[in-house]
Amino acid sequence: MKSSKNLKSFEECFSRLEKILERLESEDVTLDETIKLYEEGLTLTKSCYDKLTGAEMRIKEINKNLKGDIEIKEFKQ
């Protein structure tokens, strides 16, 4: 299993979040495991939010420039 630090793309982070949710919904998860999964889930949620915010900013910049010359700027995440 990959740690959340090794997940790079939005899709990888979201997929891991889905697996965490499935595990948390199972009946045989311990309290310690629940806390670890919850913590990892929060980290992944922040990563997904940051990636979506960056994508939104990029789309707004592209749309803003469509009235003139298309200028694509790189956003660092």
C-alpha atoms as a PDB file:
ATOM      1  CA  MET A   1       0.000   0.000   0.000  1.00  0.00           C
ATOM      2  CA  LYS A   2       1.319   3.440  -0.912  1.00  0.00           C
ATOM      3  CA  SER A   3       1.604   6.072   1.759  1.00  0.00           C
ATOM      4  CA  SER A   4      -0.256   9.321   1.161  1.00  0.00           C
ATOM      5  CA  LYS A   5       3.102  11.089   0.665  1.00  0.00           C
ATOM      6  CA  ASN A   6       3.796   8.981  -2.446  1.00  0.00           C
ATOM      7  CA  LEU A   7       0.465   9.767  -4.116  1.00  0.00           C
ATOM      8  CA  LYS A   8       0.846  12.534  -6.636  1.00  0.00           C
ATOM      9  CA  SER A   9      -2.216  12.872  -8.842  1.00  0.00           C
ATOM     10  CA  PHE A  10      -5.701  13.906  -7.820  1.00  0.00           C
ATOM     11  CA  GLU A  11      -6.986  10.550  -9.072  1.00  0.00           C
ATOM     12  CA  GLU A  12      -4.530   8.595  -6.918  1.00  0.00           C
ATOM     13  CA  CYS A  13      -5.409  10.614  -3.829  1.00  0.00           C
ATOM     14  CA  PHE A  14      -9.135  10.275  -4.444  1.00  0.00           C
ATOM     15  CA  SER A  15      -8.843   6.532  -5.033  1.00  0.00           C
ATOM     16  CA  ARG A  16      -6.967   6.132  -1.752  1.00  0.00           C
ATOM     17  CA  LEU A  17      -9.658   8.169   0.013  1.00  0.00           C
ATOM     18  CA  GLU A  18     -12.293   5.767  -1.330  1.00  0.00           C
ATOM     19  CA  LYS A  19     -10.311   2.786   0.014  1.00  0.00           C
ATOM     20  CA  ILE A  20      -9.970   4.470   3.404  1.00  0.00           C
ATOM     21  CA  LEU A  21     -13.727   5.045   3.518  1.00  0.00           C
ATOM     22  CA  GLU A  22     -14.409   1.388   2.658  1.00  0.00           C
ATOM     23  CA  ARG A  23     -12.050   0.294   5.432  1.00  0.00           C
ATOM     24  CA  LEU A  24     -13.618   2.665   7.966  1.00  0.00           C
ATOM     25  CA  GLU A  25     -17.074   1.326   7.105  1.00  0.00           C
ATOM     26  CA  SER A  26     -16.014  -2.253   7.773  1.00  0.00           C
ATOM     27  CA  GLU A  27     -16.927  -3.802  11.088  1.00  0.00           C
ATOM     28  CA  ASP A  28     -13.486  -5.092  12.024  1.00  0.00           C
ATOM     29  CA  VAL A  29     -11.483  -1.863  12.136  1.00  0.00           C
ATOM     30  CA  THR A  30      -9.745  -1.126  15.441  1.00  0.00           C
ATOM     31  CA  LEU A  31      -9.751   2.236  17.187  1.00  0.00           C
ATOM     32  CA  ASP A  32      -6.023   2.720  16.527  1.00  0.00           C
ATOM     33  CA  GLU A  33      -6.453   1.902  12.849  1.00  0.00           C
ATOM     34  CA  THR A  34      -9.458   4.226  12.660  1.00  0.00           C
ATOM     35  CA  ILE A  35      -7.402   7.114  13.998  1.00  0.00           C
ATOM     36  CA  LYS A  36      -4.540   6.425  11.572  1.00  0.00           C
ATOM     37  CA  LEU A  37      -6.930   6.159   8.624  1.00  0.00           C
ATOM     38  CA  TYR A  38      -8.747   9.331   9.678  1.00  0.00           C
ATOM     39  CA  GLU A  39      -5.463  11.230   9.854  1.00  0.00           C
ATOM     40  CA  GLU A  40      -4.377   9.948   6.437  1.00  0.00           C
ATOM     41  CA  GLY A  41      -7.802  10.831   5.047  1.00  0.00           C
ATOM     42  CA  LEU A  42      -7.509  14.421   6.248  1.00  0.00           C
ATOM     43  CA  THR A  43      -4.090  14.754   4.609  1.00  0.00           C
ATOM     44  CA  LEU A  44      -5.432  13.350   1.347  1.00  0.00           C
ATOM     45  CA  THR A  45      -8.509  15.587   1.503  1.00  0.00           C
ATOM     46  CA  LYS A  46      -6.282  18.664   1.800  1.00  0.00           C
ATOM     47  CA  SER A  47      -4.166  17.462  -1.112  1.00  0.00           C
ATOM     48  CA  CYS A  48      -7.269  16.944  -3.285  1.00  0.00           C
ATOM     49  CA  TYR A  49      -8.625  20.370  -2.294  1.00  0.00           C
ATOM     50  CA  ASP A  50      -5.310  22.031  -3.173  1.00  0.00           C
ATOM     51  CA  LYS A  51      -5.195  20.276  -6.549  1.00  0.00           C
ATOM     52  CA  LEU A  52      -8.789  21.275  -7.363  1.00  0.00           C
ATOM     53  CA  THR A  53      -8.154  24.873  -6.332  1.00  0.00           C
ATOM     54  CA  GLY A  54      -5.078  24.991  -8.553  1.00  0.00           C
ATOM     55  CA  ALA A  55      -7.035  23.568 -11.476  1.00  0.00           C
ATOM     56  CA  GLU A  56      -9.828  26.101 -10.937  1.00  0.00           C
ATOM     57  CA  MET A  57      -7.342  28.979 -10.931  1.00  0.00           C
ATOM     58  CA  ARG A  58      -5.759  27.710 -14.116  1.00  0.00           C
ATOM     59  CA  ILE A  59      -9.138  27.374 -15.857  1.00  0.00           C
ATOM     60  CA  LYS A  60     -10.114  30.899 -14.802  1.00  0.00           C
ATOM     61  CA  GLU A  61      -6.836  32.250 -16.173  1.00  0.00           C
ATOM     62  CA  ILE A  62      -7.320  30.413 -19.491  1.00  0.00           C
ATOM     63  CA  ASN A  63     -10.911  31.664 -19.807  1.00  0.00           C
ATOM     64  CA  LYS A  64      -9.883  35.206 -18.936  1.00  0.00           C
ATOM     65  CA  ASN A  65      -7.317  35.176 -21.725  1.00  0.00           C
ATOM     66  CA  LEU A  66      -9.690  33.768 -24.357  1.00  0.00           C
ATOM     67  CA  LYS A  67     -10.876  37.288 -25.124  1.00  0.00           C
ATOM     68  CA  GLY A  68      -7.419  38.077 -26.422  1.00  0.00           C
ATOM     69  CA  ASP A  69      -4.406  35.946 -27.063  1.00  0.00           C
ATOM     70  CA  ILE A  70      -4.384  32.624 -25.279  1.00  0.00           C
ATOM     71  CA  GLU A  71      -1.704  32.729 -22.649  1.00  0.00           C
ATOM     72  CA  ILE A  72      -1.235  29.631 -20.522  1.00  0.00           C
ATOM     73  CA  LYS A  73       0.602  30.168 -17.257  1.00  0.00           C
ATOM     74  CA  GLU A  74       1.990  27.412 -15.098  1.00  0.00           C
ATOM     75  CA  PHE A  75       0.634  27.311 -11.556  1.00  0.00           C
ATOM     76  CA  LYS A  76       2.841  25.694  -8.958  1.00  0.00           C
ATOM     77  CA  GLN A  77       0.986  23.500  -6.526  1.00  0.00           C
END
